[in-house]
Amino acid sequence: MQSKMKTAIMHWLPRCVVILSILFVSVFAFDTFSSNINIWQQLIDFFIHLIPSYILLIALIIAWKFELIGGVIFILISLGFAPFIFNHNYHMNHSISISLGIIMMINFPFFLAGILFLLDHQNKKKNNIKVNVK
């Protein structure tokens, strides 16, 4: 029984972390509604600002079925976007510590999820477990 519960937690934890992280990243798209332009332009800007969320959602769909590939994707996403996020935030606030904090807040959950997907894959491989999620 303990093994089944561990397997279930290992299966669902990275998925939940990514879903919550995507929702967090998506919240930043709502800043498009504070401008003085018409509603159609605001909606277009909103959907453009959601492009990172769409990419992360595609990565989640891949990781949902293929934990190994998904784990690598999320680790690469978190490491790959870190310099861009740091650079953008450093130019806005000119503070290394604040910029590093923002990177940790945005990128670390995806890095953690990547590690968790890899651990889930390893656990299932070691125990020869197939999980059918419908």
C-alpha atoms as a PDB file:
ATOM      1  CA  MET A   1       0.000   0.000   0.000  1.00  0.00           C
ATOM      2  CA  GLN A   2       2.836   2.395   0.861  1.00  0.00           C
ATOM      3  CA  SER A   3       4.418   1.839  -2.557  1.00  0.00           C
ATOM      4  CA  LYS A   4       1.159   2.615  -4.391  1.00  0.00           C
ATOM      5  CA  MET A   5       0.731   5.842  -2.456  1.00  0.00           C
ATOM      6  CA  LYS A   6       4.340   6.867  -3.152  1.00  0.00           C
ATOM      7  CA  THR A   7       3.854   6.088  -6.828  1.00  0.00           C
ATOM      8  CA  ALA A   8       0.654   8.131  -6.950  1.00  0.00           C
ATOM      9  CA  ILE A   9       2.325  11.097  -5.254  1.00  0.00           C
ATOM     10  CA  MET A  10       5.343  10.838  -7.546  1.00  0.00           C
ATOM     11  CA  HIS A  11       2.971  10.726 -10.515  1.00  0.00           C
ATOM     12  CA  TRP A  12       0.791  13.703  -9.592  1.00  0.00           C
ATOM     13  CA  LEU A  13       3.201  16.062  -7.811  1.00  0.00           C
ATOM     14  CA  PRO A  14       5.142  17.285 -10.876  1.00  0.00           C
ATOM     15  CA  ARG A  15       1.927  17.689 -12.851  1.00  0.00           C
ATOM     16  CA  CYS A  16       0.348  19.789 -10.097  1.00  0.00           C
ATOM     17  CA  VAL A  17       3.504  21.903  -9.723  1.00  0.00           C
ATOM     18  CA  VAL A  18       3.509  22.654 -13.459  1.00  0.00           C
ATOM     19  CA  ILE A  19      -0.210  23.439 -13.603  1.00  0.00           C
ATOM     20  CA  LEU A  20       0.071  25.875 -10.682  1.00  0.00           C
ATOM     21  CA  SER A  21       3.221  27.419 -12.174  1.00  0.00           C
ATOM     22  CA  ILE A  22       1.560  27.899 -15.566  1.00  0.00           C
ATOM     23  CA  LEU A  23      -1.368  29.615 -13.845  1.00  0.00           C
ATOM     24  CA  PHE A  24       1.103  31.863 -12.002  1.00  0.00           C
ATOM     25  CA  VAL A  25       2.908  32.804 -15.222  1.00  0.00           C
ATOM     26  CA  SER A  26      -0.441  33.415 -16.938  1.00  0.00           C
ATOM     27  CA  VAL A  27      -1.452  35.997 -14.346  1.00  0.00           C
ATOM     28  CA  PHE A  28       1.175  38.363 -15.756  1.00  0.00           C
ATOM     29  CA  ALA A  29      -0.788  38.544 -19.020  1.00  0.00           C
ATOM     30  CA  PHE A  30      -3.573  40.447 -17.276  1.00  0.00           C
ATOM     31  CA  ASP A  31      -1.482  43.620 -17.220  1.00  0.00           C
ATOM     32  CA  THR A  32      -2.607  44.225 -20.816  1.00  0.00           C
ATOM     33  CA  PHE A  33      -6.028  45.285 -19.555  1.00  0.00           C
ATOM     34  CA  SER A  34      -4.749  48.363 -17.758  1.00  0.00           C
ATOM     35  CA  SER A  35      -4.016  50.474 -20.815  1.00  0.00           C
ATOM     36  CA  ASN A  36      -6.125  53.072 -22.606  1.00  0.00           C
ATOM     37  CA  ILE A  37      -6.455  51.182 -25.899  1.00  0.00           C
ATOM     38  CA  ASN A  38      -9.590  49.579 -27.251  1.00  0.00           C
ATOM     39  CA  ILE A  39     -10.789  46.192 -26.011  1.00  0.00           C
ATOM     40  CA  TRP A  40      -9.868  44.328 -29.205  1.00  0.00           C
ATOM     41  CA  GLN A  41      -6.257  45.447 -29.032  1.00  0.00           C
ATOM     42  CA  GLN A  42      -6.214  44.560 -25.333  1.00  0.00           C
ATOM     43  CA  LEU A  43      -7.500  41.051 -26.125  1.00  0.00           C
ATOM     44  CA  ILE A  44      -4.903  40.593 -28.857  1.00  0.00           C
ATOM     45  CA  ASP A  45      -2.165  41.739 -26.461  1.00  0.00           C
ATOM     46  CA  PHE A  46      -3.555  39.420 -23.792  1.00  0.00           C
ATOM     47  CA  PHE A  47      -3.348  36.361 -26.038  1.00  0.00           C
ATOM     48  CA  ILE A  48       0.140  37.364 -27.179  1.00  0.00           C
ATOM     49  CA  HIS A  49       1.254  37.646 -23.545  1.00  0.00           C
ATOM     50  CA  LEU A  50      -0.083  34.123 -22.988  1.00  0.00           C
ATOM     51  CA  ILE A  51       2.331  32.598 -25.546  1.00  0.00           C
ATOM     52  CA  PRO A  52       4.748  31.402 -22.815  1.00  0.00           C
ATOM     53  CA  SER A  53       1.806  29.688 -21.110  1.00  0.00           C
ATOM     54  CA  TYR A  54       0.866  27.960 -24.366  1.00  0.00           C
ATOM     55  CA  ILE A  55       4.444  26.705 -24.758  1.00  0.00           C
ATOM     56  CA  LEU A  56       4.494  25.472 -21.162  1.00  0.00           C
ATOM     57  CA  LEU A  57       1.132  23.780 -21.684  1.00  0.00           C
ATOM     58  CA  ILE A  58       2.484  21.931 -24.730  1.00  0.00           C
ATOM     59  CA  ALA A  59       5.501  20.860 -22.663  1.00  0.00           C
ATOM     60  CA  LEU A  60       3.132  19.630 -19.935  1.00  0.00           C
ATOM     61  CA  ILE A  61       1.139  17.586 -22.441  1.00  0.00           C
ATOM     62  CA  ILE A  62       4.370  15.938 -23.617  1.00  0.00           C
ATOM     63  CA  ALA A  63       5.585  15.383 -20.047  1.00  0.00           C
ATOM     64  CA  TRP A  64       2.241  13.949 -18.989  1.00  0.00           C
ATOM     65  CA  LYS A  65       2.792  10.929 -21.196  1.00  0.00           C
ATOM     66  CA  PHE A  66       6.601  10.848 -21.490  1.00  0.00           C
ATOM     67  CA  GLU A  67       8.089  11.737 -18.097  1.00  0.00           C
ATOM     68  CA  LEU A  68      11.707  11.412 -19.204  1.00  0.00           C
ATOM     69  CA  ILE A  69      11.334  13.754 -22.172  1.00  0.00           C
ATOM     70  CA  GLY A  70       9.130  16.114 -20.160  1.00  0.00           C
ATOM     71  CA  GLY A  71      11.608  16.267 -17.302  1.00  0.00           C
ATOM     72  CA  VAL A  72      14.399  17.227 -19.668  1.00  0.00           C
ATOM     73  CA  ILE A  73      12.157  19.799 -21.406  1.00  0.00           C
ATOM     74  CA  PHE A  74      11.211  21.524 -18.154  1.00  0.00           C
ATOM     75  CA  ILE A  75      14.805  21.607 -16.923  1.00  0.00           C
ATOM     76  CA  LEU A  76      15.936  23.089 -20.255  1.00  0.00           C
ATOM     77  CA  ILE A  77      13.081  25.616 -20.218  1.00  0.00           C
ATOM     78  CA  SER A  78      13.956  26.770 -16.711  1.00  0.00           C
ATOM     79  CA  LEU A  79      17.678  27.044 -17.424  1.00  0.00           C
ATOM     80  CA  GLY A  80      17.225  28.453 -20.924  1.00  0.00           C
ATOM     81  CA  PHE A  81      14.917  31.288 -19.970  1.00  0.00           C
ATOM     82  CA  ALA A  82      16.819  32.283 -16.815  1.00  0.00           C
ATOM     83  CA  PRO A  83      19.274  34.646 -18.592  1.00  0.00           C
ATOM     84  CA  PHE A  84      16.453  36.384 -20.483  1.00  0.00           C
ATOM     85  CA  ILE A  85      14.333  36.842 -17.376  1.00  0.00           C
ATOM     86  CA  PHE A  86      17.336  38.050 -15.395  1.00  0.00           C
ATOM     87  CA  ASN A  87      18.368  40.499 -18.108  1.00  0.00           C
ATOM     88  CA  HIS A  88      14.837  41.881 -18.500  1.00  0.00           C
ATOM     89  CA  ASN A  89      14.357  42.371 -14.771  1.00  0.00           C
ATOM     90  CA  TYR A  90      17.844  43.738 -14.172  1.00  0.00           C
ATOM     91  CA  HIS A  91      17.239  46.469 -16.750  1.00  0.00           C
ATOM     92  CA  MET A  92      13.979  47.356 -14.998  1.00  0.00           C
ATOM     93  CA  ASN A  93      15.174  47.440 -11.378  1.00  0.00           C
ATOM     94  CA  HIS A  94      19.029  47.464 -11.575  1.00  0.00           C
ATOM     95  CA  SER A  95      19.232  45.018  -8.670  1.00  0.00           C
ATOM     96  CA  ILE A  96      20.977  41.675  -8.916  1.00  0.00           C
ATOM     97  CA  SER A  97      19.288  40.283  -5.807  1.00  0.00           C
ATOM     98  CA  ILE A  98      15.774  41.241  -6.916  1.00  0.00           C
ATOM     99  CA  SER A  99      16.406  39.837 -10.402  1.00  0.00           C
ATOM    100  CA  LEU A 100      17.714  36.553  -8.950  1.00  0.00           C
ATOM    101  CA  GLY A 101      14.681  36.384  -6.668  1.00  0.00           C
ATOM    102  CA  ILE A 102      12.366  36.804  -9.641  1.00  0.00           C
ATOM    103  CA  ILE A 103      14.212  34.036 -11.500  1.00  0.00           C
ATOM    104  CA  MET A 104      13.789  31.752  -8.490  1.00  0.00           C
ATOM    105  CA  MET A 105      10.109  32.595  -8.248  1.00  0.00           C
ATOM    106  CA  ILE A 106       9.386  31.992 -11.941  1.00  0.00           C
ATOM    107  CA  ASN A 107      11.927  29.361 -13.038  1.00  0.00           C
ATOM    108  CA  PHE A 108      12.523  27.222  -9.956  1.00  0.00           C
ATOM    109  CA  PRO A 109       9.084  25.534 -10.011  1.00  0.00           C
ATOM    110  CA  PHE A 110       9.707  24.374 -13.585  1.00  0.00           C
ATOM    111  CA  PHE A 111      13.197  23.138 -12.694  1.00  0.00           C
ATOM    112  CA  LEU A 112      11.732  21.307  -9.689  1.00  0.00           C
ATOM    113  CA  ALA A 113       8.983  19.830 -11.850  1.00  0.00           C
ATOM    114  CA  GLY A 114      11.596  18.635 -14.353  1.00  0.00           C
ATOM    115  CA  ILE A 115      13.485  16.850 -11.582  1.00  0.00           C
ATOM    116  CA  LEU A 116      10.225  15.375 -10.263  1.00  0.00           C
ATOM    117  CA  PHE A 117       9.264  14.125 -13.742  1.00  0.00           C
ATOM    118  CA  LEU A 118      12.681  12.456 -14.029  1.00  0.00           C
ATOM    119  CA  LEU A 119      12.275  10.867 -10.586  1.00  0.00           C
ATOM    120  CA  ASP A 120       8.779   9.695 -11.526  1.00  0.00           C
ATOM    121  CA  HIS A 121      10.144   8.116 -14.693  1.00  0.00           C
ATOM    122  CA  GLN A 122      12.948   6.442 -12.751  1.00  0.00           C
ATOM    123  CA  ASN A 123      10.526   5.163 -10.094  1.00  0.00           C
ATOM    124  CA  LYS A 124       8.187   3.687 -12.690  1.00  0.00           C
ATOM    125  CA  LYS A 125      11.082   2.152 -14.599  1.00  0.00           C
ATOM    126  CA  LYS A 126      12.557   0.643 -11.432  1.00  0.00           C
ATOM    127  CA  ASN A 127       9.244  -0.812 -10.296  1.00  0.00           C
ATOM    128  CA  ASN A 128       8.080  -1.634 -13.844  1.00  0.00           C
ATOM    129  CA  ILE A 129       4.872   0.326 -13.280  1.00  0.00           C
ATOM    130  CA  LYS A 130       2.461   1.436 -15.972  1.00  0.00           C
ATOM    131  CA  VAL A 131       0.052   4.194 -14.990  1.00  0.00           C
ATOM    132  CA  ASN A 132      -3.006   4.573 -17.166  1.00  0.00           C
ATOM    133  CA  VAL A 133      -4.372   8.072 -16.839  1.00  0.00           C
ATOM    134  CA  LYS A 134      -7.593   8.739 -18.686  1.00  0.00           C
END
